[in-house]
């Protein structure tokens, strides 16, 4: 399963990307995450469906200092076969 998420709210400056990377690696997921200039965070996640769903649930909360107000989820068909989960700068 592959999804693209746009996460909105207080998600910059709260270690969202690093926390998400650690959670994704813990779950055995691949993909990437980055801050967008509009204040949102964007991530692409690939892996087994039940693990991706756990990551989506985590993204609705984020790390303790975050305040997530909206998560837009787009399922994508084309798997990119990422080898790990990275932070894009």
Protein backbone atom coordinates (compact mmCIF):
# COMPACT_ATOMS: atom_id res chain seq x y z
CA UNK A 1 0.00 0.00 0.00
CA UNK A 2 1.18 3.52 -0.80
CA UNK A 3 -0.29 6.77 0.51
CA UNK A 4 0.54 10.47 0.38
CA UNK A 5 -0.45 12.53 3.42
CA UNK A 6 -0.64 16.28 3.87
CA UNK A 7 -0.63 17.04 7.59
CA UNK A 8 -1.76 20.47 8.77
CA UNK A 9 -1.72 22.31 12.08
CA UNK A 10 1.22 23.02 14.37
CA UNK A 11 3.58 20.59 12.66
CA UNK A 12 6.73 22.65 12.04
CA UNK A 13 9.30 23.12 14.79
CA UNK A 14 7.91 20.25 16.90
CA UNK A 15 10.16 17.39 15.63
CA UNK A 16 7.31 16.03 13.52
CA UNK A 17 9.56 14.84 10.67
CA UNK A 18 12.12 13.12 12.89
CA UNK A 19 9.44 11.54 15.08
CA UNK A 20 7.58 10.31 11.99
CA UNK A 21 10.79 8.88 10.52
CA UNK A 22 11.49 6.97 13.73
CA UNK A 23 7.89 5.67 13.86
CA UNK A 24 7.99 4.60 10.20
CA UNK A 25 11.27 2.74 10.71
CA UNK A 26 9.85 1.09 13.85
CA UNK A 27 6.89 -0.13 11.77
CA UNK A 28 9.13 -1.25 8.88
CA UNK A 29 7.75 1.32 6.43
CA UNK A 30 9.51 3.13 3.60
CA UNK A 31 9.08 6.55 2.01
CA UNK A 32 9.90 10.15 2.86
CA UNK A 33 8.69 13.22 4.74
CA UNK A 34 9.24 16.96 4.27
CA UNK A 35 8.08 20.37 5.46
CA UNK A 36 6.09 22.36 2.90
CA UNK A 37 6.38 26.13 2.59
CA UNK A 38 2.69 26.55 3.50
CA UNK A 39 3.33 25.21 7.01
CA UNK A 40 2.12 21.67 6.34
CA UNK A 41 4.09 18.43 6.34
CA UNK A 42 3.93 16.05 3.39
CA UNK A 43 4.82 12.38 3.52
CA UNK A 44 4.72 9.38 1.21
CA UNK A 45 4.49 6.04 2.97
CA UNK A 46 4.82 2.55 1.48
CA UNK A 47 4.42 -0.82 3.14
CA UNK A 48 2.02 -3.47 4.33
CA UNK A 49 -1.50 -2.09 4.63
CA UNK A 50 -1.95 -2.69 8.37
CA UNK A 51 1.37 -0.96 9.09
CA UNK A 52 0.54 1.98 6.82
CA UNK A 53 -2.80 2.35 8.62
CA UNK A 54 -0.96 2.45 11.98
CA UNK A 55 1.28 5.20 10.60
CA UNK A 56 -1.72 7.17 9.36
CA UNK A 57 -3.25 6.95 12.84
CA UNK A 58 0.04 8.17 14.35
CA UNK A 59 0.10 11.13 11.91
CA UNK A 60 -3.30 12.26 13.19
CA UNK A 61 -1.62 12.83 16.58
CA UNK A 62 2.07 13.37 15.84
CA UNK A 63 4.68 13.99 18.53
CA UNK A 64 3.64 15.53 21.88
CA UNK A 65 4.32 19.18 20.89
CA UNK A 66 2.32 18.93 17.64
CA UNK A 67 -1.30 19.98 17.19
CA UNK A 68 -2.61 18.24 14.07
CA UNK A 69 -5.79 19.82 12.74
CA UNK A 70 -6.18 18.03 9.38
CA UNK A 71 -4.74 15.04 7.53
CA UNK A 72 -5.47 14.67 3.82
CA UNK A 73 -4.91 11.11 2.59
CA UNK A 74 -4.43 10.15 -1.05
CA UNK A 75 -3.94 6.49 -1.93
CA UNK A 76 -1.50 6.00 -4.80
CA UNK A 77 -1.22 3.01 -7.09
CA UNK A 78 2.38 3.24 -8.27
CA UNK A 79 4.77 1.73 -5.73
CA UNK A 80 8.25 3.26 -5.83
CA UNK A 81 9.96 0.53 -3.79
CA UNK A 82 11.81 2.90 -1.46
CA UNK A 83 14.63 1.26 0.48
CA UNK A 84 14.14 3.22 3.72
CA UNK A 85 12.30 6.21 5.21
CA UNK A 86 14.05 9.55 4.87
CA UNK A 87 13.61 13.22 5.70
CA UNK A 88 13.71 15.53 2.68
CA UNK A 89 15.00 19.04 3.30
